[in-house]
Amino acid sequence: MKAAYWQRGESLDYVNATTKKIEAGDVLTLGNRIGVAGTDMEPGALGSVNVTGVYEFNKKDSTELTVGMAVYLTADGITSSASEGSGDDAVNHVLAGFVAATSPAKSTKVHVKINA
C-alpha cells in the first residue's frame, strides 16, 4: 500500500454538522480524541480544528495533576479518571492527552498536551 502526503496535521479541515455556531476555542470530541476549534464555524461551514498543541483547561476536581499524567475530558473539565460511576450508570471520558505542567490541587486550571 502507498500513501500520498496530504497535510501536516496540526489542524484538520472540519465541517460544522451541528445547528449551532462553533466558536474558536470550543473543545470538540472527535471519536475517541479531542480537538480545539481554530476558527468560528457557522452550521454547515468548513473551518479548522487543532488536534495538537498545549491548551489550558478547567480542572474538574481539586487534585494535583502531575507532568505526564494521562487526563480525560468531561463536561465539567479535565480529570485523571478514565470513567466515573459503575454498571449501567458508568460514563467513559474521552482521552484529552497528558499534563504538560504540574497543576497543584488548589489550581482550577491545567495545561494539557492534547492527543499525545
C-alpha atoms as a PDB file:
ATOM      1  CA  MET A   1       0.000   0.000   0.000  1.00  0.00           C
ATOM      2  CA  LYS A   2       1.131   3.548  -0.742  1.00  0.00           C
ATOM      3  CA  ALA A   3       0.076   6.823   0.802  1.00  0.00           C
ATOM      4  CA  ALA A   4       0.241  10.347  -0.591  1.00  0.00           C
ATOM      5  CA  TYR A   5       1.146  13.257   1.666  1.00  0.00           C
ATOM      6  CA  TRP A   6      -1.912  15.396   2.363  1.00  0.00           C
ATOM      7  CA  GLN A   7      -1.142  17.947   5.099  1.00  0.00           C
ATOM      8  CA  ARG A   8       0.975  18.490   8.220  1.00  0.00           C
ATOM      9  CA  GLY A   9      -1.858  17.567  10.542  1.00  0.00           C
ATOM     10  CA  GLU A  10      -1.632  20.113  13.371  1.00  0.00           C
ATOM     11  CA  SER A  11      -5.088  21.249  12.326  1.00  0.00           C
ATOM     12  CA  LEU A  12      -7.656  19.498  10.202  1.00  0.00           C
ATOM     13  CA  ASP A  13     -10.472  20.682   7.967  1.00  0.00           C
ATOM     14  CA  TYR A  14     -13.769  20.287   9.808  1.00  0.00           C
ATOM     15  CA  VAL A  15     -17.368  20.828   8.718  1.00  0.00           C
ATOM     16  CA  ASN A  16     -19.748  22.004  11.434  1.00  0.00           C
ATOM     17  CA  ALA A  17     -22.516  19.415  11.117  1.00  0.00           C
ATOM     18  CA  THR A  18     -24.466  20.869  14.051  1.00  0.00           C
ATOM     19  CA  THR A  19     -27.170  23.523  14.111  1.00  0.00           C
ATOM     20  CA  LYS A  20     -25.148  25.785  16.426  1.00  0.00           C
ATOM     21  CA  LYS A  21     -22.201  28.055  15.739  1.00  0.00           C
ATOM     22  CA  ILE A  22     -18.865  26.597  16.870  1.00  0.00           C
ATOM     23  CA  GLU A  23     -16.589  29.317  18.217  1.00  0.00           C
ATOM     24  CA  ALA A  24     -12.799  29.367  18.074  1.00  0.00           C
ATOM     25  CA  GLY A  25     -11.530  27.714  21.253  1.00  0.00           C
ATOM     26  CA  ASP A  26     -14.508  25.379  21.678  1.00  0.00           C
ATOM     27  CA  VAL A  27     -13.426  21.838  22.578  1.00  0.00           C
ATOM     28  CA  LEU A  28     -14.833  19.169  20.263  1.00  0.00           C
ATOM     29  CA  THR A  29     -14.975  15.415  20.694  1.00  0.00           C
ATOM     30  CA  LEU A  30     -13.635  13.678  17.595  1.00  0.00           C
ATOM     31  CA  GLY A  31     -14.393   9.998  18.167  1.00  0.00           C
ATOM     32  CA  ASN A  32     -12.047   8.952  20.977  1.00  0.00           C
ATOM     33  CA  ARG A  33      -9.929  12.126  20.703  1.00  0.00           C
ATOM     34  CA  ILE A  34     -10.451  15.843  21.136  1.00  0.00           C
ATOM     35  CA  GLY A  35      -9.838  18.914  19.047  1.00  0.00           C
ATOM     36  CA  VAL A  36      -9.987  22.651  19.651  1.00  0.00           C
ATOM     37  CA  ALA A  37     -11.795  24.793  17.113  1.00  0.00           C
ATOM     38  CA  GLY A  38      -9.273  27.038  15.405  1.00  0.00           C
ATOM     39  CA  THR A  39     -11.892  29.220  13.746  1.00  0.00           C
ATOM     40  CA  ASP A  40     -15.526  30.195  14.195  1.00  0.00           C
ATOM     41  CA  MET A  41     -17.776  27.895  12.150  1.00  0.00           C
ATOM     42  CA  GLU A  42     -21.387  28.557  11.317  1.00  0.00           C
ATOM     43  CA  PRO A  43     -23.633  25.498  10.851  1.00  0.00           C
ATOM     44  CA  GLY A  44     -22.645  23.713   7.648  1.00  0.00           C
ATOM     45  CA  ALA A  45     -19.455  25.776   7.265  1.00  0.00           C
ATOM     46  CA  LEU A  46     -15.916  24.497   6.826  1.00  0.00           C
ATOM     47  CA  GLY A  47     -13.342  25.536   9.409  1.00  0.00           C
ATOM     48  CA  SER A  48     -10.304  24.163  11.185  1.00  0.00           C
ATOM     49  CA  VAL A  49      -9.832  22.078  14.301  1.00  0.00           C
ATOM     50  CA  ASN A  50      -6.475  21.957  16.084  1.00  0.00           C
ATOM     51  CA  VAL A  51      -5.530  18.412  17.073  1.00  0.00           C
ATOM     52  CA  THR A  52      -2.138  19.059  18.629  1.00  0.00           C
ATOM     53  CA  GLY A  53      -0.641  21.620  20.964  1.00  0.00           C
ATOM     54  CA  VAL A  54      -0.794  22.560  24.641  1.00  0.00           C
ATOM     55  CA  TYR A  55      -4.022  24.132  25.892  1.00  0.00           C
ATOM     56  CA  GLU A  56      -5.221  25.451  29.234  1.00  0.00           C
ATOM     57  CA  PHE A  57      -8.379  23.736  30.522  1.00  0.00           C
ATOM     58  CA  ASN A  58     -10.526  23.962  33.632  1.00  0.00           C
ATOM     59  CA  LYS A  59      -9.983  21.103  36.093  1.00  0.00           C
ATOM     60  CA  LYS A  60     -12.956  19.007  37.170  1.00  0.00           C
ATOM     61  CA  ASP A  61     -11.655  18.241  40.657  1.00  0.00           C
ATOM     62  CA  SER A  62      -9.196  19.666  43.136  1.00  0.00           C
ATOM     63  CA  THR A  63      -6.492  17.027  42.824  1.00  0.00           C
ATOM     64  CA  GLU A  64      -2.864  17.543  41.895  1.00  0.00           C
ATOM     65  CA  LEU A  65      -2.170  16.610  38.282  1.00  0.00           C
ATOM     66  CA  THR A  66       1.493  15.975  37.504  1.00  0.00           C
ATOM     67  CA  VAL A  67       3.501  16.204  34.287  1.00  0.00           C
ATOM     68  CA  GLY A  68       2.994  13.192  32.046  1.00  0.00           C
ATOM     69  CA  MET A  69      -0.228  12.016  33.709  1.00  0.00           C
ATOM     70  CA  ALA A  70      -2.955  10.945  31.261  1.00  0.00           C
ATOM     71  CA  VAL A  71      -6.040  13.144  31.573  1.00  0.00           C
ATOM     72  CA  TYR A  72      -9.577  12.958  30.259  1.00  0.00           C
ATOM     73  CA  LEU A  73     -12.224  15.400  29.063  1.00  0.00           C
ATOM     74  CA  THR A  74     -15.556  15.608  30.901  1.00  0.00           C
ATOM     75  CA  ALA A  75     -18.399  18.088  30.600  1.00  0.00           C
ATOM     76  CA  ASP A  76     -17.093  19.669  33.824  1.00  0.00           C
ATOM     77  CA  GLY A  77     -13.390  19.889  32.925  1.00  0.00           C
ATOM     78  CA  ILE A  78     -10.256  17.757  32.882  1.00  0.00           C
ATOM     79  CA  THR A  79      -9.841  14.802  35.244  1.00  0.00           C
ATOM     80  CA  SER A  80      -7.389  11.949  35.751  1.00  0.00           C
ATOM     81  CA  SER A  81     -10.249   9.415  35.861  1.00  0.00           C
ATOM     82  CA  ALA A  82     -10.963   7.487  32.670  1.00  0.00           C
ATOM     83  CA  SER A  83     -14.558   6.916  33.769  1.00  0.00           C
ATOM     84  CA  GLU A  84     -16.995   7.542  36.579  1.00  0.00           C
ATOM     85  CA  GLY A  85     -19.913   5.631  38.013  1.00  0.00           C
ATOM     86  CA  SER A  86     -20.425   1.919  37.682  1.00  0.00           C
ATOM     87  CA  GLY A  87     -22.624  -0.602  35.931  1.00  0.00           C
ATOM     88  CA  ASP A  88     -25.284   0.849  33.653  1.00  0.00           C
ATOM     89  CA  ASP A  89     -24.538   4.331  35.021  1.00  0.00           C
ATOM     90  CA  ALA A  90     -20.845   4.242  34.059  1.00  0.00           C
ATOM     91  CA  VAL A  91     -19.631   7.126  31.888  1.00  0.00           C
ATOM     92  CA  ASN A  92     -16.379   6.830  29.928  1.00  0.00           C
ATOM     93  CA  HIS A  93     -14.397  10.008  29.418  1.00  0.00           C
ATOM     94  CA  VAL A  94     -12.516  10.961  26.249  1.00  0.00           C
ATOM     95  CA  LEU A  95      -8.716  10.891  26.487  1.00  0.00           C
ATOM     96  CA  ALA A  96      -7.558  14.503  26.181  1.00  0.00           C
ATOM     97  CA  GLY A  97      -3.789  13.915  26.317  1.00  0.00           C
ATOM     98  CA  PHE A  98      -1.275  14.375  29.114  1.00  0.00           C
ATOM     99  CA  VAL A  99      -0.464  17.026  31.693  1.00  0.00           C
ATOM    100  CA  ALA A 100       2.170  19.422  30.324  1.00  0.00           C
ATOM    101  CA  ALA A 101       2.858  21.316  33.579  1.00  0.00           C
ATOM    102  CA  THR A 102       2.062  20.196  37.121  1.00  0.00           C
ATOM    103  CA  SER A 103      -1.219  21.639  38.351  1.00  0.00           C
ATOM    104  CA  PRO A 104      -1.377  21.838  42.165  1.00  0.00           C
ATOM    105  CA  ALA A 105      -4.543  20.667  43.941  1.00  0.00           C
ATOM    106  CA  LYS A 106      -5.554  24.276  44.666  1.00  0.00           C
ATOM    107  CA  SER A 107      -5.345  25.260  40.978  1.00  0.00           C
ATOM    108  CA  THR A 108      -8.518  25.355  38.890  1.00  0.00           C
ATOM    109  CA  LYS A 109      -6.602  25.151  35.576  1.00  0.00           C
ATOM    110  CA  VAL A 110      -4.336  22.585  33.927  1.00  0.00           C
ATOM    111  CA  HIS A 111      -2.157  22.689  30.793  1.00  0.00           C
ATOM    112  CA  VAL A 112      -2.701  19.651  28.572  1.00  0.00           C
ATOM    113  CA  LYS A 113      -0.751  18.420  25.544  1.00  0.00           C
ATOM    114  CA  ILE A 114      -3.732  17.229  23.548  1.00  0.00           C
ATOM    115  CA  ASN A 115      -3.930  13.917  21.703  1.00  0.00           C
ATOM    116  CA  ALA A 116      -0.476  12.751  22.717  1.00  0.00           C
END
